[in-house]
PDB file of N, CA and C in Angstrom:
ATOM      1  N   MET A   1      54.179   7.317  95.771  1.00  0.00           N
ATOM      2  CA  MET A   1      54.266   7.400  94.327  1.00  0.00           C
ATOM      3  C   MET A   1      54.323   8.884  93.935  1.00  0.00           C
ATOM      4  N   LYS A   2      55.221   9.229  93.026  1.00  0.00           N
ATOM      5  CA  LYS A   2      55.407  10.611  92.604  1.00  0.00           C
ATOM      6  C   LYS A   2      54.457  10.948  91.456  1.00  0.00           C
ATOM      7  N   THR A   3      54.074  12.228  91.420  1.00  0.00           N
ATOM      8  CA  THR A   3      53.221  12.687  90.333  1.00  0.00           C
ATOM      9  C   THR A   3      54.060  12.900  89.081  1.00  0.00           C
ATOM     10  N   ALA A   4      53.384  13.042  87.956  1.00  0.00           N
ATOM     11  CA  ALA A   4      54.076  13.291  86.692  1.00  0.00           C
ATOM     12  C   ALA A   4      54.845  14.607  86.776  1.00  0.00           C
ATOM     13  N   TYR A   5      54.281  15.585  87.460  1.00  0.00           N
ATOM     14  CA  TYR A   5      54.949  16.884  87.620  1.00  0.00           C
ATOM     15  C   TYR A   5      56.256  16.721  88.383  1.00  0.00           C
ATOM     16  N   GLU A   6      56.230  15.980  89.485  1.00  0.00           N
ATOM     17  CA  GLU A   6      57.437  15.765  90.286  1.00  0.00           C
ATOM     18  C   GLU A   6      58.507  15.033  89.484  1.00  0.00           C
ATOM     19  N   LEU A   7      58.097  14.051  88.711  1.00  0.00           N
ATOM     20  CA  LEU A   7      59.056  13.323  87.877  1.00  0.00           C
ATOM     21  C   LEU A   7      59.657  14.232  86.802  1.00  0.00           C
ATOM     22  N   ALA A   8      58.823  15.061  86.194  1.00  0.00           N
ATOM     23  CA  ALA A   8      59.314  15.987  85.177  1.00  0.00           C
ATOM     24  C   ALA A   8      60.290  16.991  85.784  1.00  0.00           C
ATOM     25  N   MET A   9      60.002  17.481  86.974  1.00  0.00           N
ATOM     26  CA  MET A   9      60.893  18.427  87.644  1.00  0.00           C
ATOM     27  C   MET A   9      62.227  17.767  87.977  1.00  0.00           C
ATOM     28  N   GLU A  10      62.209  16.507  88.389  1.00  0.00           N
ATOM     29  CA  GLU A  10      63.457  15.791  88.670  1.00  0.00           C
ATOM     30  C   GLU A  10      64.303  15.652  87.403  1.00  0.00           C
ATOM     31  N   ARG A  11      63.657  15.314  86.278  1.00  0.00           N
ATOM     32  CA  ARG A  11      64.393  15.193  85.015  1.00  0.00           C
ATOM     33  C   ARG A  11      64.963  16.540  84.595  1.00  0.00           C
ATOM     34  N   LEU A  12      64.198  17.594  84.794  1.00  0.00           N
ATOM     35  CA  LEU A  12      64.650  18.934  84.447  1.00  0.00           C
ATOM     36  C   LEU A  12      65.857  19.328  85.289  1.00  0.00           C
ATOM     37  N   GLU A  13      65.823  19.042  86.582  1.00  0.00           N
ATOM     38  CA  GLU A  13      66.951  19.361  87.461  1.00  0.00           C
ATOM     39  C   GLU A  13      68.187  18.555  87.095  1.00  0.00           C
ATOM     40  N   LYS A  14      68.012  17.312  86.691  1.00  0.00           N
ATOM     41  CA  LYS A  14      69.155  16.508  86.271  1.00  0.00           C
ATOM     42  C   LYS A  14      69.795  17.098  85.023  1.00  0.00           C
ATOM     43  N   ALA A  15      68.960  17.570  84.110  1.00  0.00           N
ATOM     44  CA  ALA A  15      69.471  18.108  82.847  1.00  0.00           C
ATOM     45  C   ALA A  15      70.056  19.502  82.998  1.00  0.00           C
ATOM     46  N   ASN A  16      69.430  20.344  83.813  1.00  0.00           N
ATOM     47  CA  ASN A  16      69.817  21.756  83.878  1.00  0.00           C
ATOM     48  C   ASN A  16      70.345  22.205  85.234  1.00  0.00           C
ATOM     49  N   GLY A  17      70.458  21.323  86.164  1.00  0.00           N
ATOM     50  CA  GLY A  17      70.863  21.717  87.506  1.00  0.00           C
ATOM     51  C   GLY A  17      69.650  22.114  88.328  1.00  0.00           C
ATOM     52  N   PRO A  18      69.857  22.407  89.605  1.00  0.00           N
ATOM     53  CA  PRO A  18      68.721  22.722  90.468  1.00  0.00           C
ATOM     54  C   PRO A  18      68.014  24.004  90.023  1.00  0.00           C
ATOM     55  N   THR A  19      66.692  23.987  90.157  1.00  0.00           N
ATOM     56  CA  THR A  19      65.915  25.161  89.792  1.00  0.00           C
ATOM     57  C   THR A  19      65.932  26.175  90.931  1.00  0.00           C
ATOM     58  N   LYS A  20      65.889  27.429  90.562  1.00  0.00           N
ATOM     59  CA  LYS A  20      65.933  28.501  91.545  1.00  0.00           C
ATOM     60  C   LYS A  20      64.506  28.825  91.985  1.00  0.00           C
ATOM     61  N   LYS A  21      64.311  28.976  93.270  1.00  0.00           N
ATOM     62  CA  LYS A  21      63.003  29.332  93.806  1.00  0.00           C
ATOM     63  C   LYS A  21      62.928  30.841  93.965  1.00  0.00           C
ATOM     64  N   LEU A  22      61.795  31.407  93.582  1.00  0.00           N
ATOM     65  CA  LEU A  22      61.585  32.838  93.747  1.00  0.00           C
ATOM     66  C   LEU A  22      61.046  33.128  95.143  1.00  0.00           C
ATOM     67  N   THR A  23      61.477  34.249  95.696  1.00  0.00           N
ATOM     68  CA  THR A  23      60.911  34.681  96.973  1.00  0.00           C
ATOM     69  C   THR A  23      59.547  35.292  96.699  1.00  0.00           C
ATOM     70  N   SER A  24      58.770  35.482  97.745  1.00  0.00           N
ATOM     71  CA  SER A  24      57.452  36.087  97.563  1.00  0.00           C
ATOM     72  C   SER A  24      57.586  37.525  97.055  1.00  0.00           C
ATOM     73  N   GLU A  25      58.652  38.221  97.472  1.00  0.00           N
ATOM     74  CA  GLU A  25      58.887  39.585  96.999  1.00  0.00           C
ATOM     75  C   GLU A  25      59.178  39.586  95.499  1.00  0.00           C
ATOM     76  N   GLN A  26      59.981  38.621  95.036  1.00  0.00           N
ATOM     77  CA  GLN A  26      60.296  38.527  93.615  1.00  0.00           C
ATOM     78  C   GLN A  26      59.035  38.191  92.808  1.00  0.00           C
ATOM     79  N   LYS A  27      58.206  37.309  93.351  1.00  0.00           N
ATOM     80  CA  LYS A  27      56.960  36.963  92.665  1.00  0.00           C
ATOM     81  C   LYS A  27      56.071  38.194  92.535  1.00  0.00           C
ATOM     82  N   THR A  28      56.021  39.003  93.580  1.00  0.00           N
ATOM     83  CA  THR A  28      55.225  40.227  93.549  1.00  0.00           C
ATOM     84  C   THR A  28      55.787  41.205  92.534  1.00  0.00           C
ATOM     85  N   GLN A  29      57.109  41.341  92.496  1.00  0.00           N
ATOM     86  CA  GLN A  29      57.734  42.250  91.531  1.00  0.00           C
ATOM     87  C   GLN A  29      57.447  41.814  90.092  1.00  0.00           C
ATOM     88  N   ILE A  30      57.530  40.526  89.843  1.00  0.00           N
ATOM     89  CA  ILE A  30      57.260  40.011  88.504  1.00  0.00           C
ATOM     90  C   ILE A  30      55.796  40.228  88.134  1.00  0.00           C
ATOM     91  N   ALA A  31      54.894  40.016  89.082  1.00  0.00           N
ATOM     92  CA  ALA A  31      53.473  40.252  88.824  1.00  0.00           C
ATOM     93  C   ALA A  31      53.226  41.727  88.511  1.00  0.00           C
ATOM     94  N   ASP A  32      53.897  42.612  89.233  1.00  0.00           N
ATOM     95  CA  ASP A  32      53.758  44.048  88.972  1.00  0.00           C
ATOM     96  C   ASP A  32      54.279  44.406  87.581  1.00  0.00           C
ATOM     97  N   ILE A  33      55.403  43.828  87.212  1.00  0.00           N
ATOM     98  CA  ILE A  33      55.958  44.073  85.875  1.00  0.00           C
ATOM     99  C   ILE A  33      54.965  43.613  84.813  1.00  0.00           C
ATOM    100  N   GLU A  34      54.379  42.446  85.006  1.00  0.00           N
ATOM    101  CA  GLU A  34      53.381  41.923  84.062  1.00  0.00           C
ATOM    102  C   GLU A  34      52.213  42.896  83.925  1.00  0.00           C
ATOM    103  N   LYS A  35      51.710  43.393  85.058  1.00  0.00           N
ATOM    104  CA  LYS A  35      50.568  44.320  85.025  1.00  0.00           C
ATOM    105  C   LYS A  35      50.910  45.601  84.279  1.00  0.00           C
ATOM    106  N   VAL A  36      52.073  46.151  84.549  1.00  0.00           N
ATOM    107  CA  VAL A  36      52.489  47.400  83.905  1.00  0.00           C
ATOM    108  C   VAL A  36      52.569  47.213  82.395  1.00  0.00           C
ATOM    109  N   TYR A  37      53.216  46.154  81.958  1.00  0.00           N
ATOM    110  CA  TYR A  37      53.401  45.960  80.524  1.00  0.00           C
ATOM    111  C   TYR A  37      52.113  45.538  79.822  1.00  0.00           C
ATOM    112  N   GLU A  38      51.250  44.804  80.495  1.00  0.00           N
ATOM    113  CA  GLU A  38      49.956  44.480  79.895  1.00  0.00           C
ATOM    114  C   GLU A  38      49.145  45.750  79.687  1.00  0.00           C
ATOM    115  N   ALA A  39      49.220  46.676  80.643  1.00  0.00           N
ATOM    116  CA  ALA A  39      48.517  47.955  80.512  1.00  0.00           C
ATOM    117  C   ALA A  39      49.099  48.770  79.364  1.00  0.00           C
ATOM    118  N   LYS A  40      50.425  48.794  79.250  1.00  0.00           N
ATOM    119  CA  LYS A  40      51.069  49.537  78.163  1.00  0.00           C
ATOM    120  C   LYS A  40      50.661  48.970  76.806  1.00  0.00           C
ATOM    121  N   ILE A  41      50.618  47.661  76.701  1.00  0.00           N
ATOM    122  CA  ILE A  41      50.246  47.015  75.443  1.00  0.00           C
ATOM    123  C   ILE A  41      48.783  47.291  75.115  1.00  0.00           C
ATOM    124  N   ALA A  42      47.913  47.225  76.113  1.00  0.00           N
ATOM    125  CA  ALA A  42      46.498  47.512  75.886  1.00  0.00           C
ATOM    126  C   ALA A  42      46.303  48.955  75.438  1.00  0.00           C
ATOM    127  N   GLU A  43      47.005  49.873  76.067  1.00  0.00           N
ATOM    128  CA  GLU A  43      46.922  51.282  75.700  1.00  0.00           C
ATOM    129  C   GLU A  43      47.401  51.491  74.257  1.00  0.00           C
ATOM    130  N   LEU A  44      48.480  50.833  73.914  1.00  0.00           N
ATOM    131  CA  LEU A  44      49.025  50.933  72.563  1.00  0.00           C
ATOM    132  C   LEU A  44      48.029  50.403  71.534  1.00  0.00           C
ATOM    133  N   LYS A  45      47.408  49.270  71.837  1.00  0.00           N
ATOM    134  CA  LYS A  45      46.433  48.682  70.918  1.00  0.00           C
ATOM    135  C   LYS A  45      45.236  49.615  70.711  1.00  0.00           C
ATOM    136  N   LEU A  46      44.762  50.210  71.793  1.00  0.00           N
ATOM    137  CA  LEU A  46      43.640  51.140  71.669  1.00  0.00           C
ATOM    138  C   LEU A  46      44.010  52.344  70.812  1.00  0.00           C
ATOM    139  N   SER A  47      45.190  52.852  71.024  1.00  0.00           N
ATOM    140  CA  SER A  47      45.669  53.991  70.250  1.00  0.00           C
ATOM    141  C   SER A  47      45.734  53.646  68.767  1.00  0.00           C
ATOM    142  N   PHE A  48      46.260  52.486  68.467  1.00  0.00           N
ATOM    143  CA  PHE A  48      46.399  52.088  67.071  1.00  0.00           C
ATOM    144  C   PHE A  48      45.054  51.744  66.441  1.00  0.00           C
ATOM    145  N   GLU A  49      44.119  51.215  67.221  1.00  0.00           N
ATOM    146  CA  GLU A  49      42.806  50.888  66.666  1.00  0.00           C
ATOM    147  C   GLU A  49      42.132  52.133  66.112  1.00  0.00           C
ATOM    148  N   SER A  50      42.201  53.213  66.884  1.00  0.00           N
ATOM    149  CA  SER A  50      41.562  54.444  66.405  1.00  0.00           C
ATOM    150  C   SER A  50      42.287  54.983  65.169  1.00  0.00           C
ATOM    151  N   ARG A  51      43.615  54.887  65.143  1.00  0.00           N
ATOM    152  CA  ARG A  51      44.377  55.336  63.976  1.00  0.00           C
ATOM    153  C   ARG A  51      44.106  54.458  62.757  1.00  0.00           C
ATOM    154  N   MET A  52      43.970  53.163  62.994  1.00  0.00           N
ATOM    155  CA  MET A  52      43.792  52.235  61.887  1.00  0.00           C
ATOM    156  C   MET A  52      42.426  52.421  61.219  1.00  0.00           C
ATOM    157  N   GLN A  53      41.455  52.914  61.971  1.00  0.00           N
ATOM    158  CA  GLN A  53      40.136  53.146  61.391  1.00  0.00           C
ATOM    159  C   GLN A  53      40.166  54.283  60.375  1.00  0.00           C
ATOM    160  N   THR A  54      41.180  55.131  60.475  1.00  0.00           N
ATOM    161  CA  THR A  54      41.285  56.249  59.538  1.00  0.00           C
ATOM    162  C   THR A  54      42.102  55.895  58.299  1.00  0.00           C
ATOM    163  N   ALA A  55      42.652  54.694  58.267  1.00  0.00           N
ATOM    164  CA  ALA A  55      43.450  54.283  57.108  1.00  0.00           C
ATOM    165  C   ALA A  55      42.575  54.278  55.860  1.00  0.00           C
ATOM    166  N   GLN A  56      43.110  54.825  54.789  1.00  0.00           N
ATOM    167  CA  GLN A  56      42.319  54.941  53.569  1.00  0.00           C
ATOM    168  C   GLN A  56      42.672  53.883  52.528  1.00  0.00           C
ATOM    169  N   THR A  57      43.827  53.247  52.698  1.00  0.00           N
ATOM    170  CA  THR A  57      44.200  52.182  51.758  1.00  0.00           C
ATOM    171  C   THR A  57      44.633  50.947  52.551  1.00  0.00           C
ATOM    172  N   ARG A  58      44.638  49.856  51.864  1.00  0.00           N
ATOM    173  CA  ARG A  58      45.071  48.600  52.481  1.00  0.00           C
ATOM    174  C   ARG A  58      46.544  48.691  52.883  1.00  0.00           C
ATOM    175  N   GLU A  59      47.351  49.344  52.068  1.00  0.00           N
ATOM    176  CA  GLU A  59      48.771  49.485  52.345  1.00  0.00           C
ATOM    177  C   GLU A  59      49.004  50.304  53.619  1.00  0.00           C
ATOM    178  N   GLU A  60      48.206  51.361  53.775  1.00  0.00           N
ATOM    179  CA  GLU A  60      48.307  52.187  54.986  1.00  0.00           C
ATOM    180  C   GLU A  60      47.971  51.361  56.216  1.00  0.00           C
ATOM    181  N   TRP A  61      46.905  50.581  56.105  1.00  0.00           N
ATOM    182  CA  TRP A  61      46.461  49.741  57.223  1.00  0.00           C
ATOM    183  C   TRP A  61      47.527  48.700  57.551  1.00  0.00           C
ATOM    184  N   ASP A  62      48.075  48.086  56.510  1.00  0.00           N
ATOM    185  CA  ASP A  62      49.116  47.076  56.714  1.00  0.00           C
ATOM    186  C   ASP A  62      50.351  47.677  57.379  1.00  0.00           C
ATOM    187  N   ALA A  63      50.716  48.897  56.978  1.00  0.00           N
ATOM    188  CA  ALA A  63      51.873  49.562  57.576  1.00  0.00           C
ATOM    189  C   ALA A  63      51.629  49.840  59.059  1.00  0.00           C
ATOM    190  N   MET A  64      50.418  50.286  59.390  1.00  0.00           N
ATOM    191  CA  MET A  64      50.076  50.539  60.793  1.00  0.00           C
ATOM    192  C   MET A  64      50.078  49.243  61.594  1.00  0.00           C
ATOM    193  N   GLN A  65      49.574  48.185  60.999  1.00  0.00           N
ATOM    194  CA  GLN A  65      49.548  46.872  61.661  1.00  0.00           C
ATOM    195  C   GLN A  65      50.969  46.399  61.939  1.00  0.00           C
ATOM    196  N   ALA A  66      51.864  46.587  60.973  1.00  0.00           N
ATOM    197  CA  ALA A  66      53.262  46.183  61.153  1.00  0.00           C
ATOM    198  C   ALA A  66      53.929  47.023  62.238  1.00  0.00           C
ATOM    199  N   GLU A  67      53.628  48.319  62.257  1.00  0.00           N
ATOM    200  CA  GLU A  67      54.191  49.195  63.291  1.00  0.00           C
ATOM    201  C   GLU A  67      53.704  48.785  64.678  1.00  0.00           C
ATOM    202  N   LEU A  68      52.422  48.465  64.775  1.00  0.00           N
ATOM    203  CA  LEU A  68      51.862  48.009  66.051  1.00  0.00           C
ATOM    204  C   LEU A  68      52.545  46.732  66.515  1.00  0.00           C
ATOM    205  N   ALA A  69      52.715  45.783  65.613  1.00  0.00           N
ATOM    206  CA  ALA A  69      53.356  44.515  65.969  1.00  0.00           C
ATOM    207  C   ALA A  69      54.787  44.739  66.450  1.00  0.00           C
ATOM    208  N   ALA A  70      55.506  45.651  65.785  1.00  0.00           N
ATOM    209  CA  ALA A  70      56.890  45.932  66.185  1.00  0.00           C
ATOM    210  C   ALA A  70      56.947  46.576  67.560  1.00  0.00           C
ATOM    211  N   LYS A  71      56.025  47.497  67.831  1.00  0.00           N
ATOM    212  CA  LYS A  71      56.014  48.161  69.137  1.00  0.00           C
ATOM    213  C   LYS A  71      55.621  47.192  70.248  1.00  0.00           C
ATOM    214  N   ILE A  72      54.687  46.301  69.971  1.00  0.00           N
ATOM    215  CA  ILE A  72      54.309  45.292  70.962  1.00  0.00           C
ATOM    216  C   ILE A  72      55.484  44.364  71.239  1.00  0.00           C
ATOM    217  N   ALA A  73      56.178  43.948  70.197  1.00  0.00           N
ATOM    218  CA  ALA A  73      57.342  43.072  70.372  1.00  0.00           C
ATOM    219  C   ALA A  73      58.407  43.766  71.205  1.00  0.00           C
ATOM    220  N   SER A  74      58.604  45.051  70.982  1.00  0.00           N
ATOM    221  CA  SER A  74      59.584  45.812  71.759  1.00  0.00           C
ATOM    222  C   SER A  74      59.193  45.868  73.231  1.00  0.00           C
ATOM    223  N   LEU A  75      57.916  46.126  73.500  1.00  0.00           N
ATOM    224  CA  LEU A  75      57.448  46.158  74.891  1.00  0.00           C
ATOM    225  C   LEU A  75      57.593  44.790  75.557  1.00  0.00           C
ATOM    226  N   GLU A  76      57.285  43.736  74.819  1.00  0.00           N
ATOM    227  CA  GLU A  76      57.419  42.387  75.378  1.00  0.00           C
ATOM    228  C   GLU A  76      58.877  42.066  75.683  1.00  0.00           C
ATOM    229  N   GLU A  77      59.781  42.524  74.822  1.00  0.00           N
ATOM    230  CA  GLU A  77      61.209  42.307  75.060  1.00  0.00           C
ATOM    231  C   GLU A  77      61.661  43.053  76.320  1.00  0.00           C
ATOM    232  N   GLN A  78      61.208  44.294  76.467  1.00  0.00           N
ATOM    233  CA  GLN A  78      61.541  45.077  77.662  1.00  0.00           C
ATOM    234  C   GLN A  78      61.008  44.390  78.917  1.00  0.00           C
ATOM    235  N   ARG A  79      59.772  43.881  78.824  1.00  0.00           N
ATOM    236  CA  ARG A  79      59.162  43.191  79.960  1.00  0.00           C
ATOM    237  C   ARG A  79      59.996  41.982  80.369  1.00  0.00           C
ATOM    238  N   GLU A  80      60.431  41.198  79.389  1.00  0.00           N
ATOM    239  CA  GLU A  80      61.220  40.009  79.703  1.00  0.00           C
ATOM    240  C   GLU A  80      62.565  40.371  80.321  1.00  0.00           C
ATOM    241  N   LYS A  81      63.177  41.465  79.857  1.00  0.00           N
ATOM    242  CA  LYS A  81      64.443  41.909  80.440  1.00  0.00           C
ATOM    243  C   LYS A  81      64.252  42.309  81.899  1.00  0.00           C
ATOM    244  N   GLU A  82      63.176  43.025  82.193  1.00  0.00           N
ATOM    245  CA  GLU A  82      62.920  43.430  83.573  1.00  0.00           C
ATOM    246  C   GLU A  82      62.656  42.220  84.465  1.00  0.00           C
ATOM    247  N   LYS A  83      61.903  41.260  83.952  1.00  0.00           N
ATOM    248  CA  LYS A  83      61.628  40.050  84.726  1.00  0.00           C
ATOM    249  C   LYS A  83      62.917  39.266  84.957  1.00  0.00           C
ATOM    250  N   GLU A  84      63.780  39.233  83.961  1.00  0.00           N
ATOM    251  CA  GLU A  84      65.066  38.531  84.086  1.00  0.00           C
ATOM    252  C   GLU A  84      65.919  39.166  85.184  1.00  0.00           C
ATOM    253  N   LYS A  85      65.901  40.505  85.268  1.00  0.00           N
ATOM    254  CA  LYS A  85      66.653  41.199  86.324  1.00  0.00           C
ATOM    255  C   LYS A  85      66.147  40.783  87.701  1.00  0.00           C
ATOM    256  N   VAL A  86      64.838  40.702  87.853  1.00  0.00           N
ATOM    257  CA  VAL A  86      64.261  40.283  89.138  1.00  0.00           C
ATOM    258  C   VAL A  86      64.632  38.835  89.419  1.00  0.00           C
ATOM    259  N   TRP A  87      64.538  37.998  88.412  1.00  0.00           N
ATOM    260  CA  TRP A  87      64.840  36.579  88.565  1.00  0.00           C
ATOM    261  C   TRP A  87      66.274  36.361  89.006  1.00  0.00           C
ATOM    262  N   ASN A  88      67.212  37.150  88.450  1.00  0.00           N
ATOM    263  CA  ASN A  88      68.627  36.975  88.760  1.00  0.00           C
ATOM    264  C   ASN A  88      69.082  37.722  90.007  1.00  0.00           C
ATOM    265  N   ALA A  89      68.222  38.529  90.578  1.00  0.00           N
ATOM    266  CA  ALA A  89      68.602  39.319  91.759  1.00  0.00           C
ATOM    267  C   ALA A  89      68.764  38.439  92.987  1.00  0.00           C
TER     268      ALA A  89
END
């Protein structure tokens, strides 16, 4: 008897074609990319936290919050592009 996971994977392969398996080297590269970008995001958040404490108005704080969100989104996009390169290699 197949597990629910195995059945779901079979349906996914029927719909999208066979899934690609990552090599152990690719898995390591992706894990390294994750670590690097998580560190960059954490560093960015710490930097902005100290700056945000100096905000004197709500508008200033909101602007800094929006800037932080945009920079995090940019880093996440870069991370996904790098992971995609490894995945397609």
